[in-house]
Amino acid sequence: MVLRVMDRAQQLNYEKDFRIAFLEAKGDGFQHLFEKLMSKAYPNDFLACRPWGNVGDRKNDGYLPSARTLFQLYAPNDLKASEAIKKIREDFAGAKDHWEQHFDQWTFVHNAQDGRLGPHIIETLAELGQQNPHIKVGHCGYEEMLATFRELSLQDLESWFGLSLTLEANVNLGYDDLVAVLNHINVAPAMAVSEVKDVSRGKIEANLLSQAVADFLKIGMQKSPLVMQFFNHWKNPTYGEQIALAFKKQYIALRDATPTLHPDEIFGRLEAWAGGLANTTPRHRAAVLAVMAYLFDRCEIFEDAQGVRST
């Protein structure tokens, strides 16, 4: 079997997909995400543990025999400090009771969006390490999971997230690809007055988009001139404005959703909406990204740097 190598566009596409999947994963969904990642990274090694009758999982959310590491998963942002401390201590004690002879490292896996832990969590982990010097007490958040994700093969990533856009597809993007994307978007008649703004300096940073999404968006911006030419030469001179308004309406609905979505989640859902059911080929994905990048750069999807909403 020939090992296929990813290009930069594919890498950024899949890192963006993983970032969005991480943000969207809650509760059992987060455990499933972690199990899928570890199973692909450590095939025939990582063991996922599911509750079994009245036995439960015996404080084991995953086990990596080769590294003698036991994992316990949490969503610390959902817990009060006192509840978090109590749960961590109970789970660590339970893991020792049931599995101590099998592990040398106990790893706290969390889904904090920004990767930062509260001081009560850090203090509790430090105390457990001091009280149990024969066990390495570790932690794993988004950055650690991303490092593992980056070790996956292209074949693994395709089986997980489907085909990605490629640099070749981006270079070869043409009008026909843009038509295929835009045809399924329902547009309303253009408003009598519509303001189209230039992108402000720092707009990506102001909207709190992650580096993974920002770098991916910049790939699409390489094709912004093509999208502009497409709209300028289209038979309906207001078509570009109609498309912009349709995107803006969808963006505002996502921005104002309850519960609040992270900007990266908004980007992912807007991308899925724009791609439609046909979003399965590298050229089609490249076309979706090009249109989104053009509208991000020129219109009102996401906020102007001076008027950005806090999230």
C-alpha atoms as a PDB file:
ATOM      1  CA  MET A   1       0.000   0.000   0.000  1.00  0.00           C
ATOM      2  CA  VAL A   2       1.409   3.374  -1.064  1.00  0.00           C
ATOM      3  CA  LEU A   3       1.483   5.986   1.699  1.00  0.00           C
ATOM      4  CA  ARG A   4      -0.146   9.191   0.440  1.00  0.00           C
ATOM      5  CA  VAL A   5       1.164  12.496   1.731  1.00  0.00           C
ATOM      6  CA  MET A   6      -1.051  15.450   2.623  1.00  0.00           C
ATOM      7  CA  ASP A   7      -0.524  18.869   1.119  1.00  0.00           C
ATOM      8  CA  ARG A   8      -0.898  22.054   3.185  1.00  0.00           C
ATOM      9  CA  ALA A   9      -4.525  22.655   2.188  1.00  0.00           C
ATOM     10  CA  GLN A  10      -5.532  19.146   3.263  1.00  0.00           C
ATOM     11  CA  GLN A  11      -3.730  19.532   6.576  1.00  0.00           C
ATOM     12  CA  LEU A  12      -5.486  22.819   7.331  1.00  0.00           C
ATOM     13  CA  ASN A  13      -8.846  21.430   6.197  1.00  0.00           C
ATOM     14  CA  TYR A  14      -8.638  18.455   8.551  1.00  0.00           C
ATOM     15  CA  GLU A  15      -7.310  20.490  11.484  1.00  0.00           C
ATOM     16  CA  LYS A  16     -10.255  22.850  11.002  1.00  0.00           C
ATOM     17  CA  ASP A  17     -12.625  19.860  10.950  1.00  0.00           C
ATOM     18  CA  PHE A  18     -11.109  18.487  14.154  1.00  0.00           C
ATOM     19  CA  ARG A  19     -11.284  21.863  15.903  1.00  0.00           C
ATOM     20  CA  ILE A  20     -14.993  22.134  15.108  1.00  0.00           C
ATOM     21  CA  ALA A  21     -15.646  18.517  16.137  1.00  0.00           C
ATOM     22  CA  PHE A  22     -13.869  19.200  19.448  1.00  0.00           C
ATOM     23  CA  LEU A  23     -16.018  22.273  20.127  1.00  0.00           C
ATOM     24  CA  GLU A  24     -19.256  20.499  19.240  1.00  0.00           C
ATOM     25  CA  ALA A  25     -18.549  17.384  21.323  1.00  0.00           C
ATOM     26  CA  LYS A  26     -20.390  17.482  24.639  1.00  0.00           C
ATOM     27  CA  GLY A  27     -20.922  14.786  27.274  1.00  0.00           C
ATOM     28  CA  ASP A  28     -20.889  11.331  25.693  1.00  0.00           C
ATOM     29  CA  GLY A  29     -20.034  12.983  22.379  1.00  0.00           C
ATOM     30  CA  PHE A  30     -16.715  14.150  23.787  1.00  0.00           C
ATOM     31  CA  GLN A  31     -15.916  10.643  24.996  1.00  0.00           C
ATOM     32  CA  HIS A  32     -16.741   9.232  21.565  1.00  0.00           C
ATOM     33  CA  LEU A  33     -14.477  11.835  19.927  1.00  0.00           C
ATOM     34  CA  PHE A  34     -11.591  10.940  22.245  1.00  0.00           C
ATOM     35  CA  GLU A  35     -12.103   7.210  21.720  1.00  0.00           C
ATOM     36  CA  LYS A  36     -12.160   7.608  17.938  1.00  0.00           C
ATOM     37  CA  LEU A  37      -8.987   9.695  17.975  1.00  0.00           C
ATOM     38  CA  MET A  38      -7.098   7.268  20.202  1.00  0.00           C
ATOM     39  CA  SER A  39      -8.340   4.186  18.348  1.00  0.00           C
ATOM     40  CA  LYS A  40      -7.053   5.595  15.045  1.00  0.00           C
ATOM     41  CA  ALA A  41      -3.780   6.792  16.570  1.00  0.00           C
ATOM     42  CA  TYR A  42      -3.138   3.559  18.502  1.00  0.00           C
ATOM     43  CA  PRO A  43      -4.851   0.695  16.638  1.00  0.00           C
ATOM     44  CA  ASN A  44      -4.666  -2.667  18.383  1.00  0.00           C
ATOM     45  CA  ASP A  45      -3.438  -0.864  21.496  1.00  0.00           C
ATOM     46  CA  PHE A  46      -5.909   1.665  22.897  1.00  0.00           C
ATOM     47  CA  LEU A  47      -8.855   0.083  24.703  1.00  0.00           C
ATOM     48  CA  ALA A  48     -12.085   2.036  25.117  1.00  0.00           C
ATOM     49  CA  CYS A  49     -14.069   1.052  28.206  1.00  0.00           C
ATOM     50  CA  ARG A  50     -17.851   1.191  28.336  1.00  0.00           C
ATOM     51  CA  PRO A  51     -20.038   0.829  31.433  1.00  0.00           C
ATOM     52  CA  TRP A  52     -21.112  -2.766  32.034  1.00  0.00           C
ATOM     53  CA  GLY A  53     -24.283  -3.431  33.999  1.00  0.00           C
ATOM     54  CA  ASN A  54     -24.064  -2.467  37.656  1.00  0.00           C
ATOM     55  CA  VAL A  55     -20.259  -2.695  37.484  1.00  0.00           C
ATOM     56  CA  GLY A  56     -19.973   0.573  35.522  1.00  0.00           C
ATOM     57  CA  ASP A  57     -16.610   1.422  33.944  1.00  0.00           C
ATOM     58  CA  ARG A  58     -14.674   1.206  37.229  1.00  0.00           C
ATOM     59  CA  LYS A  59     -13.297   4.717  36.702  1.00  0.00           C
ATOM     60  CA  ASN A  60     -11.763   3.855  33.336  1.00  0.00           C
ATOM     61  CA  ASP A  61     -12.584   5.933  30.244  1.00  0.00           C
ATOM     62  CA  GLY A  62      -9.782   4.394  28.202  1.00  0.00           C
ATOM     63  CA  TYR A  63      -6.591   2.451  28.624  1.00  0.00           C
ATOM     64  CA  LEU A  64      -3.334   2.478  26.638  1.00  0.00           C
ATOM     65  CA  PRO A  65      -1.422  -0.668  27.658  1.00  0.00           C
ATOM     66  CA  SER A  66       1.785   0.187  25.775  1.00  0.00           C
ATOM     67  CA  ALA A  67       2.161   3.376  27.835  1.00  0.00           C
ATOM     68  CA  ARG A  68       0.483   1.947  30.971  1.00  0.00           C
ATOM     69  CA  THR A  69      -1.812   4.968  30.945  1.00  0.00           C
ATOM     70  CA  LEU A  70      -5.374   5.195  32.227  1.00  0.00           C
ATOM     71  CA  PHE A  71      -7.616   8.037  31.012  1.00  0.00           C
ATOM     72  CA  GLN A  72     -10.488   9.752  32.791  1.00  0.00           C
ATOM     73  CA  LEU A  73     -12.633  12.246  30.869  1.00  0.00           C
ATOM     74  CA  TYR A  74     -14.250  15.421  32.200  1.00  0.00           C
ATOM     75  CA  ALA A  75     -16.064  18.565  31.110  1.00  0.00           C
ATOM     76  CA  PRO A  76     -14.697  20.869  33.834  1.00  0.00           C
ATOM     77  CA  ASN A  77     -16.500  24.001  32.597  1.00  0.00           C
ATOM     78  CA  ASP A  78     -19.781  22.306  33.471  1.00  0.00           C
ATOM     79  CA  LEU A  79     -18.878  21.701  37.106  1.00  0.00           C
ATOM     80  CA  LYS A  80     -18.683  23.932  40.149  1.00  0.00           C
ATOM     81  CA  ALA A  81     -15.270  23.996  41.803  1.00  0.00           C
ATOM     82  CA  SER A  82     -16.332  21.874  44.770  1.00  0.00           C
ATOM     83  CA  GLU A  83     -18.024  19.300  42.510  1.00  0.00           C
ATOM     84  CA  ALA A  84     -15.007  19.139  40.184  1.00  0.00           C
ATOM     85  CA  ILE A  85     -12.573  18.557  43.059  1.00  0.00           C
ATOM     86  CA  LYS A  86     -14.811  15.875  44.564  1.00  0.00           C
ATOM     87  CA  LYS A  87     -15.237  14.071  41.231  1.00  0.00           C
ATOM     88  CA  ILE A  88     -11.532  14.102  40.380  1.00  0.00           C
ATOM     89  CA  ARG A  89     -10.539  12.734  43.783  1.00  0.00           C
ATOM     90  CA  GLU A  90     -13.242  10.043  43.732  1.00  0.00           C
ATOM     91  CA  ASP A  91     -12.357   8.932  40.209  1.00  0.00           C
ATOM     92  CA  PHE A  92      -8.635   8.840  40.948  1.00  0.00           C
ATOM     93  CA  ALA A  93      -9.204   6.790  44.120  1.00  0.00           C
ATOM     94  CA  GLY A  94     -11.534   4.439  42.232  1.00  0.00           C
ATOM     95  CA  ALA A  95      -8.993   3.994  39.443  1.00  0.00           C
ATOM     96  CA  LYS A  96      -6.344   3.034  42.008  1.00  0.00           C
ATOM     97  CA  ASP A  97      -8.697   0.531  43.648  1.00  0.00           C
ATOM     98  CA  HIS A  98      -9.514  -1.237  40.390  1.00  0.00           C
ATOM     99  CA  TRP A  99      -6.530  -0.698  38.078  1.00  0.00           C
ATOM    100  CA  GLU A 100      -3.442   0.375  40.041  1.00  0.00           C
ATOM    101  CA  GLN A 101      -1.415  -2.689  39.079  1.00  0.00           C
ATOM    102  CA  HIS A 102      -2.012  -1.912  35.392  1.00  0.00           C
ATOM    103  CA  PHE A 103      -1.102   1.796  35.099  1.00  0.00           C
ATOM    104  CA  ASP A 104       1.774   4.134  35.879  1.00  0.00           C
ATOM    105  CA  GLN A 105       0.118   7.281  34.514  1.00  0.00           C
ATOM    106  CA  TRP A 106      -3.346   8.670  35.147  1.00  0.00           C
ATOM    107  CA  THR A 107      -4.400  11.320  32.619  1.00  0.00           C
ATOM    108  CA  PHE A 108      -7.100  13.908  33.137  1.00  0.00           C
ATOM    109  CA  VAL A 109      -8.774  14.577  29.740  1.00  0.00           C
ATOM    110  CA  HIS A 110     -10.841  17.764  29.486  1.00  0.00           C
ATOM    111  CA  ASN A 111     -12.729  19.762  26.870  1.00  0.00           C
ATOM    112  CA  ALA A 112     -11.981  23.330  27.983  1.00  0.00           C
ATOM    113  CA  GLN A 113     -12.348  25.389  24.791  1.00  0.00           C
ATOM    114  CA  ASP A 114      -9.280  27.527  25.391  1.00  0.00           C
ATOM    115  CA  GLY A 115      -7.250  24.695  26.955  1.00  0.00           C
ATOM    116  CA  ARG A 116      -6.944  26.466  30.294  1.00  0.00           C
ATOM    117  CA  LEU A 117      -7.904  24.831  33.581  1.00  0.00           C
ATOM    118  CA  GLY A 118      -9.262  26.501  36.683  1.00  0.00           C
ATOM    119  CA  PRO A 119      -6.853  26.933  39.612  1.00  0.00           C
ATOM    120  CA  HIS A 120      -8.858  24.451  41.706  1.00  0.00           C
ATOM    121  CA  ILE A 121      -8.316  21.785  39.026  1.00  0.00           C
ATOM    122  CA  ILE A 122      -4.584  22.498  38.757  1.00  0.00           C
ATOM    123  CA  GLU A 123      -4.176  22.423  42.526  1.00  0.00           C
ATOM    124  CA  THR A 124      -6.072  19.133  42.837  1.00  0.00           C
ATOM    125  CA  LEU A 125      -3.979  17.458  40.131  1.00  0.00           C
ATOM    126  CA  ALA A 126      -0.770  18.735  41.760  1.00  0.00           C
ATOM    127  CA  GLU A 127      -1.849  17.373  45.140  1.00  0.00           C
ATOM    128  CA  LEU A 128      -2.711  13.969  43.691  1.00  0.00           C
ATOM    129  CA  GLY A 129       0.755  13.841  42.088  1.00  0.00           C
ATOM    130  CA  GLN A 130       2.472  14.723  45.362  1.00  0.00           C
ATOM    131  CA  GLN A 131       0.410  12.213  47.329  1.00  0.00           C
ATOM    132  CA  ASN A 132       1.085   9.437  44.780  1.00  0.00           C
ATOM    133  CA  PRO A 133       4.703   9.830  43.624  1.00  0.00           C
ATOM    134  CA  HIS A 134       4.655   6.393  41.941  1.00  0.00           C
ATOM    135  CA  ILE A 135       1.892   7.563  39.553  1.00  0.00           C
ATOM    136  CA  LYS A 136       2.405  10.301  36.969  1.00  0.00           C
ATOM    137  CA  VAL A 137      -0.692  12.508  37.042  1.00  0.00           C
ATOM    138  CA  GLY A 138      -1.082  14.142  33.629  1.00  0.00           C
ATOM    139  CA  HIS A 139      -3.603  16.180  31.684  1.00  0.00           C
ATOM    140  CA  CYS A 140      -4.817  16.246  28.087  1.00  0.00           C
ATOM    141  CA  GLY A 141      -6.811  19.009  26.401  1.00  0.00           C
ATOM    142  CA  TYR A 142      -7.289  20.329  22.880  1.00  0.00           C
ATOM    143  CA  GLU A 143      -3.609  21.004  22.132  1.00  0.00           C
ATOM    144  CA  GLU A 144      -2.553  17.538  23.298  1.00  0.00           C
ATOM    145  CA  MET A 145      -5.361  15.904  21.312  1.00  0.00           C
ATOM    146  CA  LEU A 146      -4.422  17.999  18.261  1.00  0.00           C
ATOM    147  CA  ALA A 147      -0.820  16.763  18.511  1.00  0.00           C
ATOM    148  CA  THR A 148      -2.125  13.189  18.386  1.00  0.00           C
ATOM    149  CA  PHE A 149      -4.491  14.090  15.537  1.00  0.00           C
ATOM    150  CA  ARG A 150      -1.566  15.401  13.492  1.00  0.00           C
ATOM    151  CA  GLU A 151       0.020  11.954  13.586  1.00  0.00           C
ATOM    152  CA  LEU A 152      -2.905  10.329  11.750  1.00  0.00           C
ATOM    153  CA  SER A 153      -2.467   9.214   8.156  1.00  0.00           C
ATOM    154  CA  LEU A 154      -4.326  10.764   5.233  1.00  0.00           C
ATOM    155  CA  GLN A 155      -6.262   7.508   4.879  1.00  0.00           C
ATOM    156  CA  ASP A 156      -7.405   7.729   8.514  1.00  0.00           C
ATOM    157  CA  LEU A 157      -8.478  11.344   8.081  1.00  0.00           C
ATOM    158  CA  GLU A 158     -10.427  10.600   4.902  1.00  0.00           C
ATOM    159  CA  SER A 159     -12.227   7.724   6.590  1.00  0.00           C
ATOM    160  CA  TRP A 160     -13.154  10.060   9.443  1.00  0.00           C
ATOM    161  CA  PHE A 161     -14.017  13.370   7.753  1.00  0.00           C
ATOM    162  CA  GLY A 162     -14.270  12.482   4.070  1.00  0.00           C
ATOM    163  CA  LEU A 163     -12.323  13.967   1.175  1.00  0.00           C
ATOM    164  CA  SER A 164     -10.630  17.329   1.704  1.00  0.00           C
ATOM    165  CA  LEU A 165      -9.968  20.137  -0.689  1.00  0.00           C
ATOM    166  CA  THR A 166      -6.408  20.071  -2.049  1.00  0.00           C
ATOM    167  CA  LEU A 167      -3.963  22.676  -3.309  1.00  0.00           C
ATOM    168  CA  GLU A 168      -4.480  21.275  -6.812  1.00  0.00           C
ATOM    169  CA  ALA A 169      -8.258  21.643  -6.529  1.00  0.00           C
ATOM    170  CA  ASN A 170      -7.849  25.195  -5.261  1.00  0.00           C
ATOM    171  CA  VAL A 171      -5.531  26.127  -8.137  1.00  0.00           C
ATOM    172  CA  ASN A 172      -7.841  24.600 -10.759  1.00  0.00           C
ATOM    173  CA  LEU A 173     -11.036  26.132  -9.360  1.00  0.00           C
ATOM    174  CA  GLY A 174     -13.256  27.608 -12.078  1.00  0.00           C
ATOM    175  CA  TYR A 175     -16.595  29.279 -12.670  1.00  0.00           C
ATOM    176  CA  ASP A 176     -18.419  25.964 -13.092  1.00  0.00           C
ATOM    177  CA  ASP A 177     -17.376  24.955  -9.573  1.00  0.00           C
ATOM    178  CA  LEU A 178     -18.718  28.225  -8.164  1.00  0.00           C
ATOM    179  CA  VAL A 179     -22.021  27.780  -9.996  1.00  0.00           C
ATOM    180  CA  ALA A 180     -22.397  24.313  -8.490  1.00  0.00           C
ATOM    181  CA  VAL A 181     -22.041  25.785  -5.010  1.00  0.00           C
ATOM    182  CA  LEU A 182     -24.236  28.846  -5.463  1.00  0.00           C
ATOM    183  CA  ASN A 183     -27.124  27.233  -7.335  1.00  0.00           C
ATOM    184  CA  HIS A 184     -28.596  25.546  -4.263  1.00  0.00           C
ATOM    185  CA  ILE A 185     -28.547  28.687  -2.099  1.00  0.00           C
ATOM    186  CA  ASN A 186     -31.949  30.344  -1.923  1.00  0.00           C
ATOM    187  CA  VAL A 187     -31.530  34.050  -2.597  1.00  0.00           C
ATOM    188  CA  ALA A 188     -33.993  36.852  -2.014  1.00  0.00           C
ATOM    189  CA  PRO A 189     -34.278  39.945  -4.208  1.00  0.00           C
ATOM    190  CA  ALA A 190     -31.507  42.411  -3.521  1.00  0.00           C
ATOM    191  CA  MET A 191     -32.308  45.201  -1.061  1.00  0.00           C
ATOM    192  CA  ALA A 192     -32.497  48.720  -2.453  1.00  0.00           C
ATOM    193  CA  VAL A 193     -29.526  49.808  -0.352  1.00  0.00           C
ATOM    194  CA  SER A 194     -26.802  47.471   0.803  1.00  0.00           C
ATOM    195  CA  GLU A 195     -23.430  48.343   2.222  1.00  0.00           C
ATOM    196  CA  VAL A 196     -20.472  46.133   1.384  1.00  0.00           C
ATOM    197  CA  LYS A 197     -17.484  46.714   3.651  1.00  0.00           C
ATOM    198  CA  ASP A 198     -13.805  46.070   3.163  1.00  0.00           C
ATOM    199  CA  VAL A 199     -12.272  43.709   5.683  1.00  0.00           C
ATOM    200  CA  SER A 200     -10.820  45.512   8.695  1.00  0.00           C
ATOM    201  CA  ARG A 201      -7.320  44.887   9.952  1.00  0.00           C
ATOM    202  CA  GLY A 202      -7.456  42.211  12.639  1.00  0.00           C
ATOM    203  CA  LYS A 203     -10.908  40.894  11.666  1.00  0.00           C
ATOM    204  CA  ILE A 204      -9.876  37.253  12.103  1.00  0.00           C
ATOM    205  CA  GLU A 205      -8.441  37.951  15.536  1.00  0.00           C
ATOM    206  CA  ALA A 206     -11.397  40.134  16.532  1.00  0.00           C
ATOM    207  CA  ASN A 207     -13.833  37.321  15.746  1.00  0.00           C
ATOM    208  CA  LEU A 208     -11.892  34.885  17.956  1.00  0.00           C
ATOM    209  CA  LEU A 209     -11.397  32.403  15.150  1.00  0.00           C
ATOM    210  CA  SER A 210      -8.795  29.779  16.015  1.00  0.00           C
ATOM    211  CA  GLN A 211      -5.491  29.525  14.181  1.00  0.00           C
ATOM    212  CA  ALA A 212      -6.680  26.339  12.480  1.00  0.00           C
ATOM    213  CA  VAL A 213      -9.749  28.048  11.018  1.00  0.00           C
ATOM    214  CA  ALA A 214      -7.902  31.293  10.252  1.00  0.00           C
ATOM    215  CA  ASP A 215      -5.162  29.531   8.289  1.00  0.00           C
ATOM    216  CA  PHE A 216      -7.767  27.482   6.418  1.00  0.00           C
ATOM    217  CA  LEU A 217      -9.705  30.647   5.540  1.00  0.00           C
ATOM    218  CA  LYS A 218      -6.544  32.233   4.163  1.00  0.00           C
ATOM    219  CA  ILE A 219      -6.260  29.370   1.629  1.00  0.00           C
ATOM    220  CA  GLY A 220      -9.670  30.389   0.306  1.00  0.00           C
ATOM    221  CA  MET A 221      -8.701  34.043   0.128  1.00  0.00           C
ATOM    222  CA  GLN A 222      -6.263  33.154  -2.626  1.00  0.00           C
ATOM    223  CA  LYS A 223      -9.339  32.673  -4.826  1.00  0.00           C
ATOM    224  CA  SER A 224     -11.244  35.788  -3.751  1.00  0.00           C
ATOM    225  CA  PRO A 225     -10.365  37.558  -7.041  1.00  0.00           C
ATOM    226  CA  LEU A 226     -11.917  34.679  -9.001  1.00  0.00           C
ATOM    227  CA  VAL A 227     -15.161  34.955  -7.023  1.00  0.00           C
ATOM    228  CA  MET A 228     -15.227  38.731  -7.547  1.00  0.00           C
ATOM    229  CA  GLN A 229     -14.747  38.255 -11.300  1.00  0.00           C
ATOM    230  CA  PHE A 230     -17.529  35.662 -11.310  1.00  0.00           C
ATOM    231  CA  PHE A 231     -20.040  38.028  -9.710  1.00  0.00           C
ATOM    232  CA  ASN A 232     -18.920  40.983 -11.847  1.00  0.00           C
ATOM    233  CA  HIS A 233     -19.499  39.031 -15.087  1.00  0.00           C
ATOM    234  CA  TRP A 234     -22.668  37.185 -14.065  1.00  0.00           C
ATOM    235  CA  LYS A 235     -25.747  37.941 -16.176  1.00  0.00           C
ATOM    236  CA  ASN A 236     -27.630  39.204 -13.111  1.00  0.00           C
ATOM    237  CA  PRO A 237     -25.678  42.230 -11.830  1.00  0.00           C
ATOM    238  CA  THR A 238     -27.217  41.959  -8.338  1.00  0.00           C
ATOM    239  CA  TYR A 239     -26.480  38.243  -7.917  1.00  0.00           C
ATOM    240  CA  GLY A 240     -23.404  38.788  -5.766  1.00  0.00           C
ATOM    241  CA  GLU A 241     -25.366  41.079  -3.472  1.00  0.00           C
ATOM    242  CA  GLN A 242     -28.180  38.520  -3.194  1.00  0.00           C
ATOM    243  CA  ILE A 243     -25.727  35.773  -2.287  1.00  0.00           C
ATOM    244  CA  ALA A 244     -24.104  38.039   0.295  1.00  0.00           C
ATOM    245  CA  LEU A 245     -27.478  38.758   1.899  1.00  0.00           C
ATOM    246  CA  ALA A 246     -28.338  35.042   2.025  1.00  0.00           C
ATOM    247  CA  PHE A 247     -25.034  34.294   3.753  1.00  0.00           C
ATOM    248  CA  LYS A 248     -25.497  37.228   6.124  1.00  0.00           C
ATOM    249  CA  LYS A 249     -28.967  36.015   7.145  1.00  0.00           C
ATOM    250  CA  GLN A 250     -27.624  32.519   7.842  1.00  0.00           C
ATOM    251  CA  TYR A 251     -24.653  33.923   9.755  1.00  0.00           C
ATOM    252  CA  ILE A 252     -26.837  36.107  11.988  1.00  0.00           C
ATOM    253  CA  ALA A 253     -29.096  33.150  12.813  1.00  0.00           C
ATOM    254  CA  LEU A 254     -26.039  31.136  13.894  1.00  0.00           C
ATOM    255  CA  ARG A 255     -24.472  34.055  15.753  1.00  0.00           C
ATOM    256  CA  ASP A 256     -27.632  34.661  17.757  1.00  0.00           C
ATOM    257  CA  ALA A 257     -28.386  30.980  18.438  1.00  0.00           C
ATOM    258  CA  THR A 258     -28.970  29.659  21.947  1.00  0.00           C
ATOM    259  CA  PRO A 259     -26.820  28.256  23.444  1.00  0.00           C
ATOM    260  CA  THR A 260     -24.097  30.509  22.093  1.00  0.00           C
ATOM    261  CA  LEU A 261     -21.866  28.955  19.448  1.00  0.00           C
ATOM    262  CA  HIS A 262     -18.101  29.416  19.340  1.00  0.00           C
ATOM    263  CA  PRO A 263     -17.005  31.369  16.203  1.00  0.00           C
ATOM    264  CA  ASP A 264     -15.295  28.212  14.899  1.00  0.00           C
ATOM    265  CA  GLU A 265     -18.589  26.312  15.237  1.00  0.00           C
ATOM    266  CA  ILE A 266     -20.362  29.089  13.350  1.00  0.00           C
ATOM    267  CA  PHE A 267     -17.769  28.827  10.587  1.00  0.00           C
ATOM    268  CA  GLY A 268     -18.252  25.055  10.355  1.00  0.00           C
ATOM    269  CA  ARG A 269     -22.042  25.241  10.223  1.00  0.00           C
ATOM    270  CA  LEU A 270     -21.957  28.027   7.669  1.00  0.00           C
ATOM    271  CA  GLU A 271     -19.566  25.951   5.564  1.00  0.00           C
ATOM    272  CA  ALA A 272     -21.879  22.921   5.781  1.00  0.00           C
ATOM    273  CA  TRP A 273     -24.894  25.053   4.837  1.00  0.00           C
ATOM    274  CA  ALA A 274     -23.077  26.555   1.858  1.00  0.00           C
ATOM    275  CA  GLY A 275     -21.779  23.188   0.661  1.00  0.00           C
ATOM    276  CA  GLY A 276     -25.096  21.371   0.746  1.00  0.00           C
ATOM    277  CA  LEU A 277     -25.405  17.653   0.174  1.00  0.00           C
ATOM    278  CA  ALA A 278     -23.011  17.760  -2.779  1.00  0.00           C
ATOM    279  CA  ASN A 279     -20.053  18.887  -0.658  1.00  0.00           C
ATOM    280  CA  THR A 280     -18.083  15.697  -1.257  1.00  0.00           C
ATOM    281  CA  THR A 281     -15.324  16.484  -3.777  1.00  0.00           C
ATOM    282  CA  PRO A 282     -12.109  18.505  -3.392  1.00  0.00           C
ATOM    283  CA  ARG A 283     -13.168  21.000  -6.100  1.00  0.00           C
ATOM    284  CA  HIS A 284     -16.573  21.536  -4.517  1.00  0.00           C
ATOM    285  CA  ARG A 285     -15.022  22.089  -1.092  1.00  0.00           C
ATOM    286  CA  ALA A 286     -12.547  24.519  -2.620  1.00  0.00           C
ATOM    287  CA  ALA A 287     -15.411  26.444  -4.210  1.00  0.00           C
ATOM    288  CA  VAL A 288     -17.299  26.668  -0.902  1.00  0.00           C
ATOM    289  CA  LEU A 289     -14.202  27.977   0.837  1.00  0.00           C
ATOM    290  CA  ALA A 290     -13.502  30.517  -1.919  1.00  0.00           C
ATOM    291  CA  VAL A 291     -17.014  31.958  -1.676  1.00  0.00           C
ATOM    292  CA  MET A 292     -16.877  32.096   2.128  1.00  0.00           C
ATOM    293  CA  ALA A 293     -13.446  33.731   2.059  1.00  0.00           C
ATOM    294  CA  TYR A 294     -14.640  36.338  -0.449  1.00  0.00           C
ATOM    295  CA  LEU A 295     -17.698  37.158   1.647  1.00  0.00           C
ATOM    296  CA  PHE A 296     -15.648  37.232   4.835  1.00  0.00           C
ATOM    297  CA  ASP A 297     -13.224  39.604   3.173  1.00  0.00           C
ATOM    298  CA  ARG A 298     -15.825  41.869   1.559  1.00  0.00           C
ATOM    299  CA  CYS A 299     -19.170  41.518   3.308  1.00  0.00           C
ATOM    300  CA  GLU A 300     -20.936  40.979   6.611  1.00  0.00           C
ATOM    301  CA  ILE A 301     -20.336  37.347   7.537  1.00  0.00           C
ATOM    302  CA  PHE A 302     -18.616  37.587  10.875  1.00  0.00           C
ATOM    303  CA  GLU A 303     -18.143  40.922  12.559  1.00  0.00           C
ATOM    304  CA  ASP A 304     -16.163  43.969  11.596  1.00  0.00           C
ATOM    305  CA  ALA A 305     -13.142  44.328  13.868  1.00  0.00           C
ATOM    306  CA  GLN A 306     -14.510  47.538  15.386  1.00  0.00           C
ATOM    307  CA  GLY A 307     -17.985  46.178  16.044  1.00  0.00           C
ATOM    308  CA  VAL A 308     -17.290  42.599  17.065  1.00  0.00           C
ATOM    309  CA  ARG A 309     -19.609  40.997  19.602  1.00  0.00           C
ATOM    310  CA  SER A 310     -18.106  39.306  22.637  1.00  0.00           C
ATOM    311  CA  THR A 311     -18.630  35.546  22.936  1.00  0.00           C
END
